[in-house]
Amino acid sequence: MNKTLLKPKAEEAENALEPGAPGWVAPMSDREFNFLRRVVKRHTGITLADYKRNMLYRRISKRMRALNMDEVKPYCELLSGPQAAGELPLFINVVTTNKTSFFREEHHFEHLARVALPAFVDEASKRGNRRLRIWSAGCSSGEEPYSIAMILQAGLKGLGQWDAKILATDIDTNMVETGQQGVFPADAVKSVPAPLRGNYTEPVSGDESQVRMVASTRSSIVFKPLNLLDNWPMNGPFDMIYCRNVVIYFDKPTQRILFDRYADIMRMGGFLYIGHSESLYGITDRFRPVGQSIYQKIA
């Protein structure tokens, strides 16, 4: 997944509007910046460094223009006042951005297809329990869970006889809605292997620029909004969890808490997939490394 915070975008040029012009937003003070990054930390777990200040300003400026605000102070008051509950999800959506693609970090999906899934099938046959649960934690717009779903549909024989479900969650409610729709630009699915693309995607009628995941693939995934810092409504146990490029902006104490919670909700021997720039070293001893950014629960 693929959630990052305040990643620079090409279109995010400096605010060139003159003071008082329509859409102009007054500069952000130190006090306002510190307040806003405390809100980000408290509600997302993400630690916002000083050098992110200008990007934070540009992001909230877009939201403030929608509210016809030209100063940051009243927006801070909105986030701390009686209407905060309604604005906070929109604030989080604005200040976070999503970078993802189908079969991103391809070795994770190769491991799923060649190692994790066959091992699970073997264990399930011994237990006599055809139950499989996979969680895409930080699913962004859905490319990750749909990649998982295609692997399952292609590799799990007799899938209809299994109780197999994929949970996909993200803090960004807009991304959850996009994932539920299962519609993507045609160029986006070019990274999907041709056999899978042919079997599990279909053209959108009247729009050659878009494709849709087929109904059976869409129905295999449950999309839900979820803040990883909040209580988790699901019970598990999960056989595999994908949490990739999510915790890179979390401080160490928050990472320790999160990975401990993952271990609690996973079955013994389950697989955890994290981002290429992330590591569990010095964070937890409840997983052992079994591949490049791939871990297995041991305790």
C-alpha atoms as a PDB file:
ATOM      1  CA  MET A   1       0.000   0.000   0.000  1.00  0.00           C
ATOM      2  CA  ASN A   2       1.215   2.221   0.042  1.00  0.00           C
ATOM      3  CA  LYS A   3       0.305   5.189   2.035  1.00  0.00           C
ATOM      4  CA  THR A   4       2.791   8.032   2.271  1.00  0.00           C
ATOM      5  CA  LEU A   5       2.411  11.429   3.842  1.00  0.00           C
ATOM      6  CA  LEU A   6       2.788  14.698   1.999  1.00  0.00           C
ATOM      7  CA  LYS A   7       4.830  13.335  -0.873  1.00  0.00           C
ATOM      8  CA  PRO A   8       5.723  16.132  -3.323  1.00  0.00           C
ATOM      9  CA  LYS A   9       3.648  16.279  -6.471  1.00  0.00           C
ATOM     10  CA  ALA A  10       4.647  17.976  -9.695  1.00  0.00           C
ATOM     11  CA  GLU A  11       1.527  20.115  -9.693  1.00  0.00           C
ATOM     12  CA  GLU A  12       2.174  21.414  -6.171  1.00  0.00           C
ATOM     13  CA  ALA A  13       3.971  24.612  -7.099  1.00  0.00           C
ATOM     14  CA  GLU A  14       4.373  27.404  -4.581  1.00  0.00           C
ATOM     15  CA  ASN A  15       1.289  29.507  -4.015  1.00  0.00           C
ATOM     16  CA  ALA A  16       1.790  32.332  -6.510  1.00  0.00           C
ATOM     17  CA  LEU A  17      -1.434  34.154  -5.709  1.00  0.00           C
ATOM     18  CA  GLU A  18      -1.239  37.727  -4.519  1.00  0.00           C
ATOM     19  CA  PRO A  19      -2.502  38.497  -0.999  1.00  0.00           C
ATOM     20  CA  GLY A  20      -6.227  39.109  -1.082  1.00  0.00           C
ATOM     21  CA  ALA A  21      -6.713  37.414  -4.465  1.00  0.00           C
ATOM     22  CA  PRO A  22      -9.407  34.723  -4.732  1.00  0.00           C
ATOM     23  CA  GLY A  23      -7.994  31.462  -3.413  1.00  0.00           C
ATOM     24  CA  TRP A  24      -5.124  33.108  -1.531  1.00  0.00           C
ATOM     25  CA  VAL A  25      -4.353  31.658   1.885  1.00  0.00           C
ATOM     26  CA  ALA A  26      -2.335  33.509   4.503  1.00  0.00           C
ATOM     27  CA  PRO A  27       1.027  31.973   5.522  1.00  0.00           C
ATOM     28  CA  MET A  28       1.008  29.391   8.301  1.00  0.00           C
ATOM     29  CA  SER A  29       2.559  30.352  11.626  1.00  0.00           C
ATOM     30  CA  ASP A  30       4.843  28.141  13.702  1.00  0.00           C
ATOM     31  CA  ARG A  31       2.093  27.693  16.252  1.00  0.00           C
ATOM     32  CA  GLU A  32      -0.402  26.606  13.585  1.00  0.00           C
ATOM     33  CA  PHE A  33       2.073  24.194  12.006  1.00  0.00           C
ATOM     34  CA  ASN A  34       2.866  22.603  15.353  1.00  0.00           C
ATOM     35  CA  PHE A  35      -0.831  22.239  16.134  1.00  0.00           C
ATOM     36  CA  LEU A  36      -1.578  20.612  12.784  1.00  0.00           C
ATOM     37  CA  ARG A  37       1.259  18.145  12.999  1.00  0.00           C
ATOM     38  CA  ARG A  38       0.115  17.161  16.490  1.00  0.00           C
ATOM     39  CA  VAL A  39      -3.297  16.434  14.973  1.00  0.00           C
ATOM     40  CA  VAL A  40      -1.640  14.346  12.254  1.00  0.00           C
ATOM     41  CA  LYS A  41       0.388  12.434  14.837  1.00  0.00           C
ATOM     42  CA  ARG A  42      -2.553  11.847  17.159  1.00  0.00           C
ATOM     43  CA  HIS A  43      -4.931  10.620  14.484  1.00  0.00           C
ATOM     44  CA  THR A  44      -2.625   8.795  12.051  1.00  0.00           C
ATOM     45  CA  GLY A  45       0.478   7.883  14.074  1.00  0.00           C
ATOM     46  CA  ILE A  46       2.633   9.688  11.511  1.00  0.00           C
ATOM     47  CA  THR A  47       5.420  11.930  12.725  1.00  0.00           C
ATOM     48  CA  LEU A  48       5.625  15.033  10.550  1.00  0.00           C
ATOM     49  CA  ALA A  49       9.144  16.482  10.204  1.00  0.00           C
ATOM     50  CA  ASP A  50       9.908  20.193  10.024  1.00  0.00           C
ATOM     51  CA  TYR A  51      10.815  20.014   6.329  1.00  0.00           C
ATOM     52  CA  LYS A  52       7.250  18.929   5.487  1.00  0.00           C
ATOM     53  CA  ARG A  53       5.889  22.294   6.540  1.00  0.00           C
ATOM     54  CA  ASN A  54       5.480  23.815   3.081  1.00  0.00           C
ATOM     55  CA  MET A  55       3.825  20.734   1.677  1.00  0.00           C
ATOM     56  CA  LEU A  56       1.421  20.602   4.611  1.00  0.00           C
ATOM     57  CA  TYR A  57       0.555  24.237   3.954  1.00  0.00           C
ATOM     58  CA  ARG A  58      -0.137  23.561   0.277  1.00  0.00           C
ATOM     59  CA  ARG A  59      -2.305  20.559   1.054  1.00  0.00           C
ATOM     60  CA  ILE A  60      -4.491  22.246   3.653  1.00  0.00           C
ATOM     61  CA  SER A  61      -4.759  25.336   1.455  1.00  0.00           C
ATOM     62  CA  LYS A  62      -6.790  23.255  -0.998  1.00  0.00           C
ATOM     63  CA  ARG A  63      -9.177  22.222   1.747  1.00  0.00           C
ATOM     64  CA  MET A  64      -9.388  25.755   3.116  1.00  0.00           C
ATOM     65  CA  ARG A  65     -10.290  27.155  -0.286  1.00  0.00           C
ATOM     66  CA  ALA A  66     -13.198  24.701  -0.403  1.00  0.00           C
ATOM     67  CA  LEU A  67     -14.308  26.126   2.953  1.00  0.00           C
ATOM     68  CA  ASN A  68     -13.768  29.730   1.832  1.00  0.00           C
ATOM     69  CA  MET A  69     -11.091  30.247   4.491  1.00  0.00           C
ATOM     70  CA  ASP A  70      -8.080  32.451   3.847  1.00  0.00           C
ATOM     71  CA  GLU A  71      -6.306  32.025   7.196  1.00  0.00           C
ATOM     72  CA  VAL A  72      -4.996  28.872   8.864  1.00  0.00           C
ATOM     73  CA  LYS A  73      -6.086  29.829  12.381  1.00  0.00           C
ATOM     74  CA  PRO A  74      -9.834  29.330  11.810  1.00  0.00           C
ATOM     75  CA  TYR A  75      -9.098  25.979  10.197  1.00  0.00           C
ATOM     76  CA  CYS A  76      -7.160  24.907  13.291  1.00  0.00           C
ATOM     77  CA  GLU A  77     -10.119  26.044  15.382  1.00  0.00           C
ATOM     78  CA  LEU A  78     -12.410  23.919  13.213  1.00  0.00           C
ATOM     79  CA  LEU A  79     -10.245  20.855  13.870  1.00  0.00           C
ATOM     80  CA  SER A  80     -10.365  21.467  17.620  1.00  0.00           C
ATOM     81  CA  GLY A  81     -13.993  22.574  17.920  1.00  0.00           C
ATOM     82  CA  PRO A  82     -17.389  20.859  18.046  1.00  0.00           C
ATOM     83  CA  GLN A  83     -17.342  20.130  14.290  1.00  0.00           C
ATOM     84  CA  ALA A  84     -13.948  18.411  14.418  1.00  0.00           C
ATOM     85  CA  ALA A  85     -15.379  14.907  14.021  1.00  0.00           C
ATOM     86  CA  GLY A  86     -16.808  15.814  10.626  1.00  0.00           C
ATOM     87  CA  GLU A  87     -13.704  17.588   9.370  1.00  0.00           C
ATOM     88  CA  LEU A  88     -10.979  15.230  10.629  1.00  0.00           C
ATOM     89  CA  PRO A  89     -11.552  12.505   7.993  1.00  0.00           C
ATOM     90  CA  LEU A  90     -11.413  15.140   5.257  1.00  0.00           C
ATOM     91  CA  PHE A  91      -8.260  16.640   6.762  1.00  0.00           C
ATOM     92  CA  ILE A  92      -6.617  13.205   6.832  1.00  0.00           C
ATOM     93  CA  ASN A  93      -7.645  12.552   3.227  1.00  0.00           C
ATOM     94  CA  VAL A  94      -6.091  15.862   2.160  1.00  0.00           C
ATOM     95  CA  VAL A  95      -2.773  15.556   3.967  1.00  0.00           C
ATOM     96  CA  THR A  96      -2.113  11.961   2.928  1.00  0.00           C
ATOM     97  CA  THR A  97      -1.415  10.743  -0.563  1.00  0.00           C
ATOM     98  CA  ASN A  98      -1.361   7.266  -1.990  1.00  0.00           C
ATOM     99  CA  LYS A  99       1.262   5.637  -4.167  1.00  0.00           C
ATOM    100  CA  THR A 100       0.480   2.137  -5.297  1.00  0.00           C
ATOM    101  CA  SER A 101       0.309  -0.097  -8.349  1.00  0.00           C
ATOM    102  CA  PHE A 102      -0.676  -3.602  -9.301  1.00  0.00           C
ATOM    103  CA  PHE A 103       1.919  -6.197  -8.269  1.00  0.00           C
ATOM    104  CA  ARG A 104       4.157  -3.558  -6.720  1.00  0.00           C
ATOM    105  CA  GLU A 105       7.195  -5.257  -5.137  1.00  0.00           C
ATOM    106  CA  GLU A 106       6.499  -8.293  -7.280  1.00  0.00           C
ATOM    107  CA  HIS A 107       8.510 -10.688  -5.111  1.00  0.00           C
ATOM    108  CA  HIS A 108       5.801 -10.495  -2.435  1.00  0.00           C
ATOM    109  CA  PHE A 109       3.238 -11.884  -4.844  1.00  0.00           C
ATOM    110  CA  GLU A 110       5.648 -14.519  -6.110  1.00  0.00           C
ATOM    111  CA  HIS A 111       6.100 -15.624  -2.495  1.00  0.00           C
ATOM    112  CA  LEU A 112       2.333 -15.706  -2.032  1.00  0.00           C
ATOM    113  CA  ALA A 113       1.846 -17.850  -5.130  1.00  0.00           C
ATOM    114  CA  ARG A 114       4.831 -20.186  -4.804  1.00  0.00           C
ATOM    115  CA  VAL A 115       5.401 -20.477  -1.039  1.00  0.00           C
ATOM    116  CA  ALA A 116       2.673 -19.107   1.214  1.00  0.00           C
ATOM    117  CA  LEU A 117      -0.385 -20.374  -0.635  1.00  0.00           C
ATOM    118  CA  PRO A 118       0.884 -23.951  -1.233  1.00  0.00           C
ATOM    119  CA  ALA A 119       2.006 -24.171   2.405  1.00  0.00           C
ATOM    120  CA  PHE A 120      -1.373 -22.963   3.566  1.00  0.00           C
ATOM    121  CA  VAL A 121      -3.229 -25.455   1.345  1.00  0.00           C
ATOM    122  CA  ASP A 122      -1.100 -28.282   2.727  1.00  0.00           C
ATOM    123  CA  GLU A 123      -1.787 -27.253   6.324  1.00  0.00           C
ATOM    124  CA  ALA A 124      -5.479 -26.737   5.642  1.00  0.00           C
ATOM    125  CA  SER A 125      -5.804 -30.243   4.216  1.00  0.00           C
ATOM    126  CA  LYS A 126      -4.289 -31.655   7.401  1.00  0.00           C
ATOM    127  CA  ARG A 127      -6.561 -29.574   9.628  1.00  0.00           C
ATOM    128  CA  GLY A 128      -9.620 -30.172   7.506  1.00  0.00           C
ATOM    129  CA  ASN A 129     -10.428 -26.467   7.678  1.00  0.00           C
ATOM    130  CA  ARG A 130     -10.594 -24.610   4.374  1.00  0.00           C
ATOM    131  CA  ARG A 131     -10.511 -21.124   5.839  1.00  0.00           C
ATOM    132  CA  LEU A 132      -8.217 -18.348   4.577  1.00  0.00           C
ATOM    133  CA  ARG A 133      -8.026 -14.732   5.725  1.00  0.00           C
ATOM    134  CA  ILE A 134      -5.725 -12.100   4.222  1.00  0.00           C
ATOM    135  CA  TRP A 135      -5.583  -8.452   5.292  1.00  0.00           C
ATOM    136  CA  SER A 136      -4.342  -5.625   3.105  1.00  0.00           C
ATOM    137  CA  ALA A 137      -3.696  -2.984   5.791  1.00  0.00           C
ATOM    138  CA  GLY A 138      -3.271   0.337   4.012  1.00  0.00           C
ATOM    139  CA  CYS A 139      -4.853  -0.782   0.757  1.00  0.00           C
ATOM    140  CA  SER A 140      -4.872   2.649  -0.907  1.00  0.00           C
ATOM    141  CA  SER A 141      -7.048   2.581  -4.059  1.00  0.00           C
ATOM    142  CA  GLY A 142      -7.182  -1.207  -4.177  1.00  0.00           C
ATOM    143  CA  GLU A 143      -4.390  -2.351  -6.485  1.00  0.00           C
ATOM    144  CA  GLU A 144      -2.741  -4.386  -3.716  1.00  0.00           C
ATOM    145  CA  PRO A 145      -5.792  -6.421  -2.594  1.00  0.00           C
ATOM    146  CA  TYR A 146      -6.850  -6.966  -6.196  1.00  0.00           C
ATOM    147  CA  SER A 147      -3.367  -8.309  -6.968  1.00  0.00           C
ATOM    148  CA  ILE A 148      -3.762 -10.703  -4.024  1.00  0.00           C
ATOM    149  CA  ALA A 149      -7.244 -11.697  -5.197  1.00  0.00           C
ATOM    150  CA  MET A 150      -6.019 -12.549  -8.688  1.00  0.00           C
ATOM    151  CA  ILE A 151      -3.270 -14.764  -7.245  1.00  0.00           C
ATOM    152  CA  LEU A 152      -5.845 -16.576  -5.102  1.00  0.00           C
ATOM    153  CA  GLN A 153      -8.287 -17.073  -7.950  1.00  0.00           C
ATOM    154  CA  ALA A 154      -5.560 -18.378 -10.232  1.00  0.00           C
ATOM    155  CA  GLY A 155      -3.729 -20.516  -7.686  1.00  0.00           C
ATOM    156  CA  LEU A 156      -6.281 -21.869  -5.229  1.00  0.00           C
ATOM    157  CA  LYS A 157      -7.962 -24.878  -6.815  1.00  0.00           C
ATOM    158  CA  GLY A 158     -11.609 -25.299  -5.987  1.00  0.00           C
ATOM    159  CA  LEU A 159     -11.756 -21.747  -4.612  1.00  0.00           C
ATOM    160  CA  GLY A 160     -15.542 -21.950  -4.360  1.00  0.00           C
ATOM    161  CA  GLN A 161     -15.174 -24.688  -1.755  1.00  0.00           C
ATOM    162  CA  TRP A 162     -13.011 -22.476   0.464  1.00  0.00           C
ATOM    163  CA  ASP A 163     -13.997 -19.895   3.027  1.00  0.00           C
ATOM    164  CA  ALA A 164     -11.503 -17.400   1.627  1.00  0.00           C
ATOM    165  CA  LYS A 165     -11.787 -13.660   2.203  1.00  0.00           C
ATOM    166  CA  ILE A 166      -9.587 -10.608   1.745  1.00  0.00           C
ATOM    167  CA  LEU A 167     -10.019  -7.585   4.000  1.00  0.00           C
ATOM    168  CA  ALA A 168      -8.800  -4.272   2.574  1.00  0.00           C
ATOM    169  CA  THR A 169      -8.617  -1.217   4.827  1.00  0.00           C
ATOM    170  CA  ASP A 170      -7.299   2.316   4.576  1.00  0.00           C
ATOM    171  CA  ILE A 171      -7.513   5.489   6.596  1.00  0.00           C
ATOM    172  CA  ASP A 172      -8.433   7.473   3.465  1.00  0.00           C
ATOM    173  CA  THR A 173     -12.161   7.097   2.874  1.00  0.00           C
ATOM    174  CA  ASN A 174     -11.844   8.290  -0.729  1.00  0.00           C
ATOM    175  CA  MET A 175      -9.394   5.488  -1.477  1.00  0.00           C
ATOM    176  CA  VAL A 176     -11.685   2.896   0.108  1.00  0.00           C
ATOM    177  CA  GLU A 177     -14.520   4.033  -2.152  1.00  0.00           C
ATOM    178  CA  THR A 178     -12.259   3.838  -5.216  1.00  0.00           C
ATOM    179  CA  GLY A 179     -11.210   0.328  -4.274  1.00  0.00           C
ATOM    180  CA  GLN A 180     -14.811  -0.790  -3.839  1.00  0.00           C
ATOM    181  CA  GLN A 181     -15.646   0.336  -7.359  1.00  0.00           C
ATOM    182  CA  GLY A 182     -12.824  -1.724  -8.833  1.00  0.00           C
ATOM    183  CA  VAL A 183     -12.412   0.545 -11.859  1.00  0.00           C
ATOM    184  CA  PHE A 184      -8.907   1.586 -12.958  1.00  0.00           C
ATOM    185  CA  PRO A 185      -7.226   3.376 -15.867  1.00  0.00           C
ATOM    186  CA  ALA A 186      -6.392   0.910 -18.623  1.00  0.00           C
ATOM    187  CA  ASP A 187      -2.731   1.909 -18.393  1.00  0.00           C
ATOM    188  CA  ALA A 188      -2.672   0.954 -14.704  1.00  0.00           C
ATOM    189  CA  VAL A 189      -3.329  -2.732 -15.385  1.00  0.00           C
ATOM    190  CA  LYS A 190      -0.432  -3.083 -17.821  1.00  0.00           C
ATOM    191  CA  SER A 191       1.687  -4.296 -14.897  1.00  0.00           C
ATOM    192  CA  VAL A 192      -0.737  -7.201 -14.365  1.00  0.00           C
ATOM    193  CA  PRO A 193       0.580 -10.408 -15.991  1.00  0.00           C
ATOM    194  CA  ALA A 194      -1.251 -10.973 -19.265  1.00  0.00           C
ATOM    195  CA  PRO A 195      -3.017 -14.237 -18.263  1.00  0.00           C
ATOM    196  CA  LEU A 196      -4.372 -12.639 -15.088  1.00  0.00           C
ATOM    197  CA  ARG A 197      -5.305  -9.454 -16.897  1.00  0.00           C
ATOM    198  CA  GLY A 198      -7.253 -11.452 -19.455  1.00  0.00           C
ATOM    199  CA  ASN A 199      -9.115 -13.522 -16.864  1.00  0.00           C
ATOM    200  CA  TYR A 200      -9.855 -10.991 -14.140  1.00  0.00           C
ATOM    201  CA  THR A 201     -10.350  -7.606 -15.822  1.00  0.00           C
ATOM    202  CA  GLU A 202     -12.921  -6.442 -18.334  1.00  0.00           C
ATOM    203  CA  PRO A 203     -13.405  -3.285 -20.400  1.00  0.00           C
ATOM    204  CA  VAL A 204     -15.756  -0.610 -19.153  1.00  0.00           C
ATOM    205  CA  SER A 205     -18.558  -0.246 -21.653  1.00  0.00           C
ATOM    206  CA  GLY A 206     -18.265   2.980 -23.596  1.00  0.00           C
ATOM    207  CA  ASP A 207     -14.917   3.984 -22.072  1.00  0.00           C
ATOM    208  CA  GLU A 208     -11.780   2.448 -23.571  1.00  0.00           C
ATOM    209  CA  SER A 209      -9.592   4.340 -21.111  1.00  0.00           C
ATOM    210  CA  GLN A 210     -10.830   2.285 -18.130  1.00  0.00           C
ATOM    211  CA  VAL A 211     -11.124  -1.345 -17.074  1.00  0.00           C
ATOM    212  CA  ARG A 212     -13.038  -3.025 -14.269  1.00  0.00           C
ATOM    213  CA  MET A 213     -12.130  -6.006 -12.149  1.00  0.00           C
ATOM    214  CA  VAL A 214     -14.558  -8.847 -12.887  1.00  0.00           C
ATOM    215  CA  ALA A 215     -17.403  -9.424 -10.445  1.00  0.00           C
ATOM    216  CA  SER A 216     -15.910 -12.549  -8.846  1.00  0.00           C
ATOM    217  CA  THR A 217     -12.697 -10.700  -8.080  1.00  0.00           C
ATOM    218  CA  ARG A 218     -14.501  -7.673  -6.662  1.00  0.00           C
ATOM    219  CA  SER A 219     -16.707  -9.839  -4.453  1.00  0.00           C
ATOM    220  CA  SER A 220     -13.700 -11.603  -2.916  1.00  0.00           C
ATOM    221  CA  ILE A 221     -12.604  -8.389  -1.163  1.00  0.00           C
ATOM    222  CA  VAL A 222     -14.268  -6.466   1.651  1.00  0.00           C
ATOM    223  CA  PHE A 223     -13.203  -2.808   1.693  1.00  0.00           C
ATOM    224  CA  LYS A 224     -13.537  -0.875   4.957  1.00  0.00           C
ATOM    225  CA  PRO A 225     -12.193   2.442   6.273  1.00  0.00           C
ATOM    226  CA  LEU A 226      -9.914   1.881   9.250  1.00  0.00           C
ATOM    227  CA  ASN A 227      -7.405   3.905  11.219  1.00  0.00           C
ATOM    228  CA  LEU A 228      -4.725   1.437  12.350  1.00  0.00           C
ATOM    229  CA  LEU A 229      -4.398   3.336  15.635  1.00  0.00           C
ATOM    230  CA  ASP A 230      -8.042   2.731  16.536  1.00  0.00           C
ATOM    231  CA  ASN A 231      -9.687  -0.416  17.858  1.00  0.00           C
ATOM    232  CA  TRP A 232      -9.924  -3.182  15.277  1.00  0.00           C
ATOM    233  CA  PRO A 233     -13.427  -4.603  14.834  1.00  0.00           C
ATOM    234  CA  MET A 234     -12.222  -7.902  13.280  1.00  0.00           C
ATOM    235  CA  ASN A 235     -11.207 -10.924  15.319  1.00  0.00           C
ATOM    236  CA  GLY A 236      -8.953 -12.858  12.955  1.00  0.00           C
ATOM    237  CA  PRO A 237      -6.950 -14.928  12.946  1.00  0.00           C
ATOM    238  CA  PHE A 238      -5.308 -13.776   9.727  1.00  0.00           C
ATOM    239  CA  ASP A 239      -3.095 -16.085   7.713  1.00  0.00           C
ATOM    240  CA  MET A 240      -1.317 -13.257   5.905  1.00  0.00           C
ATOM    241  CA  ILE A 241      -1.080  -9.508   6.384  1.00  0.00           C
ATOM    242  CA  TYR A 242       0.206  -6.995   3.865  1.00  0.00           C
ATOM    243  CA  CYS A 243       1.274  -3.752   5.560  1.00  0.00           C
ATOM    244  CA  ARG A 244       3.617  -2.173   3.048  1.00  0.00           C
ATOM    245  CA  ASN A 245       4.995   1.357   3.056  1.00  0.00           C
ATOM    246  CA  VAL A 246       2.625   2.277   5.871  1.00  0.00           C
ATOM    247  CA  VAL A 247       4.798   2.483   8.990  1.00  0.00           C
ATOM    248  CA  ILE A 248       7.757   4.258   7.431  1.00  0.00           C
ATOM    249  CA  TYR A 249       6.572   7.564   8.910  1.00  0.00           C
ATOM    250  CA  PHE A 250       5.657   6.098  12.315  1.00  0.00           C
ATOM    251  CA  ASP A 251       8.031   6.499  15.225  1.00  0.00           C
ATOM    252  CA  LYS A 252       9.542   3.377  16.804  1.00  0.00           C
ATOM    253  CA  PRO A 253       7.129   3.148  19.765  1.00  0.00           C
ATOM    254  CA  THR A 254       4.136   3.306  17.409  1.00  0.00           C
ATOM    255  CA  GLN A 255       5.695   0.655  15.163  1.00  0.00           C
ATOM    256  CA  ARG A 256       6.253  -1.652  18.129  1.00  0.00           C
ATOM    257  CA  ILE A 257       2.632  -1.348  19.197  1.00  0.00           C
ATOM    258  CA  LEU A 258       1.335  -1.924  15.678  1.00  0.00           C
ATOM    259  CA  PHE A 259       3.437  -4.992  14.893  1.00  0.00           C
ATOM    260  CA  ASP A 260       2.613  -6.480  18.276  1.00  0.00           C
ATOM    261  CA  ARG A 261      -1.069  -6.080  17.437  1.00  0.00           C
ATOM    262  CA  TYR A 262      -0.471  -7.731  14.066  1.00  0.00           C
ATOM    263  CA  ALA A 263       1.181 -10.685  15.801  1.00  0.00           C
ATOM    264  CA  ASP A 264      -1.766 -10.952  18.194  1.00  0.00           C
ATOM    265  CA  ILE A 265      -4.273 -11.212  15.356  1.00  0.00           C
ATOM    266  CA  MET A 266      -2.271 -13.631  13.169  1.00  0.00           C
ATOM    267  CA  ARG A 267      -2.137 -17.400  13.356  1.00  0.00           C
ATOM    268  CA  MET A 268       1.179 -19.062  14.172  1.00  0.00           C
ATOM    269  CA  GLY A 269       3.237 -19.400  11.009  1.00  0.00           C
ATOM    270  CA  GLY A 270       1.331 -16.658   9.201  1.00  0.00           C
ATOM    271  CA  PHE A 271       3.183 -14.358   6.810  1.00  0.00           C
ATOM    272  CA  LEU A 272       3.668 -10.608   7.140  1.00  0.00           C
ATOM    273  CA  TYR A 273       4.699  -8.515   4.129  1.00  0.00           C
ATOM    274  CA  ILE A 274       6.149  -5.028   4.697  1.00  0.00           C
ATOM    275  CA  GLY A 275       7.636  -2.315   2.489  1.00  0.00           C
ATOM    276  CA  HIS A 276      11.084  -2.529   0.925  1.00  0.00           C
ATOM    277  CA  SER A 277      12.410   0.327   3.073  1.00  0.00           C
ATOM    278  CA  GLU A 278      10.876  -1.013   6.301  1.00  0.00           C
ATOM    279  CA  SER A 279      12.294  -3.495   8.795  1.00  0.00           C
ATOM    280  CA  LEU A 280      11.289  -5.287  11.973  1.00  0.00           C
ATOM    281  CA  TYR A 281      14.856  -5.215  13.308  1.00  0.00           C
ATOM    282  CA  GLY A 282      14.797  -3.841  16.842  1.00  0.00           C
ATOM    283  CA  ILE A 283      10.998  -3.542  16.688  1.00  0.00           C
ATOM    284  CA  THR A 284       9.668  -7.021  17.516  1.00  0.00           C
ATOM    285  CA  ASP A 285      10.895 -10.546  18.077  1.00  0.00           C
ATOM    286  CA  ARG A 286       7.562 -12.181  17.252  1.00  0.00           C
ATOM    287  CA  PHE A 287       8.428 -12.656  13.586  1.00  0.00           C
ATOM    288  CA  ARG A 288      11.382 -14.191  11.783  1.00  0.00           C
ATOM    289  CA  PRO A 289      12.627 -13.037   8.357  1.00  0.00           C
ATOM    290  CA  VAL A 290      11.983 -15.534   5.571  1.00  0.00           C
ATOM    291  CA  GLY A 291      12.631 -13.371   2.526  1.00  0.00           C
ATOM    292  CA  GLN A 292      13.097  -9.821   1.305  1.00  0.00           C
ATOM    293  CA  SER A 293      10.744  -7.794   3.557  1.00  0.00           C
ATOM    294  CA  ILE A 294       8.804 -11.000   4.283  1.00  0.00           C
ATOM    295  CA  TYR A 295       8.349 -12.287   7.840  1.00  0.00           C
ATOM    296  CA  GLN A 296       6.701 -15.262   9.529  1.00  0.00           C
ATOM    297  CA  LYS A 297       5.052 -15.249  12.943  1.00  0.00           C
ATOM    298  CA  ILE A 298       6.936 -17.430  15.426  1.00  0.00           C
ATOM    299  CA  ALA A 299       5.795 -16.365  18.883  1.00  0.00           C
END
